[in-house]
Amino acid sequence: MQCQHSMYLSERKIIFYYLYSLLVQILQTAIGFSLKEIAGL
């Protein structure tokens, strides 16, 4: 039981890490795009 529980927690951790890195990537892309727009003006 304990083993399954810790495995579940690690799986959730991986999912959260994946979502976080995806969010960071989107933010970086958005910031880079807006900076290009500002530089273009």
PDB file of N, CA and C in Angstrom:
ATOM      1  N   MET A   1       0.840  -1.206   0.000  1.00  0.00           N
ATOM      2  CA  MET A   1       0.000   0.000   0.000  1.00  0.00           C
ATOM      3  C   MET A   1       0.872   1.252   0.000  1.00  0.00           C
ATOM      4  N   GLN A   2       1.855   1.256   0.914  1.00  0.00           N
ATOM      5  CA  GLN A   2       2.734   2.423   1.014  1.00  0.00           C
ATOM      6  C   GLN A   2       3.515   2.628  -0.286  1.00  0.00           C
ATOM      7  N   CYS A   3       3.957   1.532  -0.891  1.00  0.00           N
ATOM      8  CA  CYS A   3       4.733   1.612  -2.129  1.00  0.00           C
ATOM      9  C   CYS A   3       3.891   2.224  -3.244  1.00  0.00           C
ATOM     10  N   GLN A   4       2.665   1.763  -3.389  1.00  0.00           N
ATOM     11  CA  GLN A   4       1.784   2.300  -4.427  1.00  0.00           C
ATOM     12  C   GLN A   4       1.547   3.793  -4.195  1.00  0.00           C
ATOM     13  N   HIS A   5       1.370   4.165  -2.923  1.00  0.00           N
ATOM     14  CA  HIS A   5       1.090   5.558  -2.598  1.00  0.00           C
ATOM     15  C   HIS A   5       2.257   6.462  -3.016  1.00  0.00           C
ATOM     16  N   SER A   6       3.480   6.045  -2.686  1.00  0.00           N
ATOM     17  CA  SER A   6       4.646   6.859  -3.032  1.00  0.00           C
ATOM     18  C   SER A   6       4.825   6.909  -4.550  1.00  0.00           C
ATOM     19  N   MET A   7       4.493   5.825  -5.228  1.00  0.00           N
ATOM     20  CA  MET A   7       4.587   5.806  -6.684  1.00  0.00           C
ATOM     21  C   MET A   7       3.581   6.788  -7.276  1.00  0.00           C
ATOM     22  N   TYR A   8       2.396   6.820  -6.707  1.00  0.00           N
ATOM     23  CA  TYR A   8       1.365   7.758  -7.160  1.00  0.00           C
ATOM     24  C   TYR A   8       1.829   9.198  -6.965  1.00  0.00           C
ATOM     25  N   LEU A   9       2.456   9.450  -5.819  1.00  0.00           N
ATOM     26  CA  LEU A   9       2.940  10.799  -5.540  1.00  0.00           C
ATOM     27  C   LEU A   9       4.022  11.205  -6.537  1.00  0.00           C
ATOM     28  N   SER A  10       4.934  10.292  -6.839  1.00  0.00           N
ATOM     29  CA  SER A  10       6.001  10.623  -7.783  1.00  0.00           C
ATOM     30  C   SER A  10       5.435  10.856  -9.186  1.00  0.00           C
ATOM     31  N   GLU A  11       4.407  10.075  -9.540  1.00  0.00           N
ATOM     32  CA  GLU A  11       3.762  10.282 -10.839  1.00  0.00           C
ATOM     33  C   GLU A  11       3.132  11.665 -10.903  1.00  0.00           C
ATOM     34  N   ARG A  12       2.460  12.052  -9.823  1.00  0.00           N
ATOM     35  CA  ARG A  12       1.856  13.380  -9.786  1.00  0.00           C
ATOM     36  C   ARG A  12       2.929  14.456  -9.879  1.00  0.00           C
ATOM     37  N   LYS A  13       4.053  14.218  -9.203  1.00  0.00           N
ATOM     38  CA  LYS A  13       5.156  15.180  -9.223  1.00  0.00           C
ATOM     39  C   LYS A  13       5.658  15.372 -10.651  1.00  0.00           C
ATOM     40  N   ILE A  14       5.789  14.268 -11.380  1.00  0.00           N
ATOM     41  CA  ILE A  14       6.253  14.329 -12.767  1.00  0.00           C
ATOM     42  C   ILE A  14       5.257  15.113 -13.618  1.00  0.00           C
ATOM     43  N   ILE A  15       3.963  14.854 -13.403  1.00  0.00           N
ATOM     44  CA  ILE A  15       2.933  15.561 -14.173  1.00  0.00           C
ATOM     45  C   ILE A  15       2.987  17.057 -13.871  1.00  0.00           C
ATOM     46  N   PHE A  16       3.105  17.402 -12.576  1.00  0.00           N
ATOM     47  CA  PHE A  16       3.183  18.815 -12.203  1.00  0.00           C
ATOM     48  C   PHE A  16       4.423  19.473 -12.804  1.00  0.00           C
ATOM     49  N   TYR A  17       5.550  18.749 -12.786  1.00  0.00           N
ATOM     50  CA  TYR A  17       6.784  19.295 -13.347  1.00  0.00           C
ATOM     51  C   TYR A  17       6.631  19.530 -14.844  1.00  0.00           C
ATOM     52  N   TYR A  18       5.965  18.571 -15.526  1.00  0.00           N
ATOM     53  CA  TYR A  18       5.748  18.693 -16.964  1.00  0.00           C
ATOM     54  C   TYR A  18       4.872  19.907 -17.262  1.00  0.00           C
ATOM     55  N   LEU A  19       3.783  20.064 -16.515  1.00  0.00           N
ATOM     56  CA  LEU A  19       2.885  21.205 -16.729  1.00  0.00           C
ATOM     57  C   LEU A  19       3.616  22.511 -16.449  1.00  0.00           C
ATOM     58  N   TYR A  20       4.444  22.525 -15.399  1.00  0.00           N
ATOM     59  CA  TYR A  20       5.179  23.737 -15.044  1.00  0.00           C
ATOM     60  C   TYR A  20       6.149  24.139 -16.150  1.00  0.00           C
ATOM     61  N   SER A  21       6.904  23.153 -16.672  1.00  0.00           N
ATOM     62  CA  SER A  21       7.868  23.458 -17.730  1.00  0.00           C
ATOM     63  C   SER A  21       7.148  23.914 -18.996  1.00  0.00           C
ATOM     64  N   LEU A  22       5.971  23.324 -19.251  1.00  0.00           N
ATOM     65  CA  LEU A  22       5.183  23.728 -20.414  1.00  0.00           C
ATOM     66  C   LEU A  22       4.729  25.180 -20.256  1.00  0.00           C
ATOM     67  N   LEU A  23       4.289  25.533 -19.057  1.00  0.00           N
ATOM     68  CA  LEU A  23       3.841  26.893 -18.776  1.00  0.00           C
ATOM     69  C   LEU A  23       4.992  27.880 -18.940  1.00  0.00           C
ATOM     70  N   VAL A  24       6.165  27.508 -18.433  1.00  0.00           N
ATOM     71  CA  VAL A  24       7.345  28.368 -18.563  1.00  0.00           C
ATOM     72  C   VAL A  24       7.685  28.584 -20.033  1.00  0.00           C
ATOM     73  N   GLN A  25       7.595  27.509 -20.820  1.00  0.00           N
ATOM     74  CA  GLN A  25       7.897  27.599 -22.240  1.00  0.00           C
ATOM     75  C   GLN A  25       6.927  28.566 -22.932  1.00  0.00           C
ATOM     76  N   ILE A  26       5.647  28.443 -22.596  1.00  0.00           N
ATOM     77  CA  ILE A  26       4.631  29.319 -23.195  1.00  0.00           C
ATOM     78  C   ILE A  26       4.892  30.772 -22.809  1.00  0.00           C
ATOM     79  N   LEU A  27       5.223  30.990 -21.529  1.00  0.00           N
ATOM     80  CA  LEU A  27       5.497  32.347 -21.063  1.00  0.00           C
ATOM     81  C   LEU A  27       6.712  32.929 -21.773  1.00  0.00           C
ATOM     82  N   GLN A  28       7.769  32.136 -21.906  1.00  0.00           N
ATOM     83  CA  GLN A  28       8.976  32.610 -22.589  1.00  0.00           C
ATOM     84  C   GLN A  28       8.659  32.969 -24.040  1.00  0.00           C
ATOM     85  N   THR A  29       7.863  32.134 -24.700  1.00  0.00           N
ATOM     86  CA  THR A  29       7.498  32.399 -26.090  1.00  0.00           C
ATOM     87  C   THR A  29       6.688  33.685 -26.186  1.00  0.00           C
ATOM     88  N   ALA A  30       5.725  33.856 -25.275  1.00  0.00           N
ATOM     89  CA  ALA A  30       4.876  35.047 -25.289  1.00  0.00           C
ATOM     90  C   ALA A  30       5.707  36.302 -25.024  1.00  0.00           C
ATOM     91  N   ILE A  31       6.632  36.210 -24.068  1.00  0.00           N
ATOM     92  CA  ILE A  31       7.483  37.356 -23.736  1.00  0.00           C
ATOM     93  C   ILE A  31       8.385  37.684 -24.926  1.00  0.00           C
ATOM     94  N   GLY A  32       8.966  36.658 -25.520  1.00  0.00           N
ATOM     95  CA  GLY A  32       9.825  36.878 -26.675  1.00  0.00           C
ATOM     96  C   GLY A  32       9.056  37.507 -27.825  1.00  0.00           C
ATOM     97  N   PHE A  33       7.826  37.049 -28.049  1.00  0.00           N
ATOM     98  CA  PHE A  33       6.998  37.589 -29.126  1.00  0.00           C
ATOM     99  C   PHE A  33       6.668  39.058 -28.867  1.00  0.00           C
ATOM    100  N   SER A  34       6.259  39.383 -27.635  1.00  0.00           N
ATOM    101  CA  SER A  34       5.903  40.771 -27.313  1.00  0.00           C
ATOM    102  C   SER A  34       7.132  41.673 -27.380  1.00  0.00           C
ATOM    103  N   LEU A  35       8.307  41.143 -27.000  1.00  0.00           N
ATOM    104  CA  LEU A  35       9.526  41.937 -27.094  1.00  0.00           C
ATOM    105  C   LEU A  35       9.845  42.228 -28.554  1.00  0.00           C
ATOM    106  N   LYS A  36       9.635  41.244 -29.427  1.00  0.00           N
ATOM    107  CA  LYS A  36       9.869  41.458 -30.853  1.00  0.00           C
ATOM    108  C   LYS A  36       8.901  42.511 -31.389  1.00  0.00           C
ATOM    109  N   GLU A  37       7.648  42.453 -30.928  1.00  0.00           N
ATOM    110  CA  GLU A  37       6.644  43.436 -31.360  1.00  0.00           C
ATOM    111  C   GLU A  37       7.057  44.843 -30.926  1.00  0.00           C
ATOM    112  N   ILE A  38       7.507  44.955 -29.674  1.00  0.00           N
ATOM    113  CA  ILE A  38       7.937  46.259 -29.153  1.00  0.00           C
ATOM    114  C   ILE A  38       9.157  46.752 -29.926  1.00  0.00           C
ATOM    115  N   ALA A  39      10.100  45.843 -30.190  1.00  0.00           N
ATOM    116  CA  ALA A  39      11.304  46.221 -30.930  1.00  0.00           C
ATOM    117  C   ALA A  39      10.940  46.613 -32.361  1.00  0.00           C
ATOM    118  N   GLY A  40       9.925  45.947 -32.914  1.00  0.00           N
ATOM    119  CA  GLY A  40       9.484  46.257 -34.271  1.00  0.00           C
ATOM    120  C   GLY A  40       8.919  47.664 -34.374  1.00  0.00           C
ATOM    121  N   LEU A  41       8.273  48.111 -33.291  1.00  0.00           N
ATOM    122  CA  LEU A  41       7.728  49.461 -33.288  1.00  0.00           C
ATOM    123  C   LEU A  41       8.860  50.465 -33.116  1.00  0.00           C
TER     124      LEU A  41
END
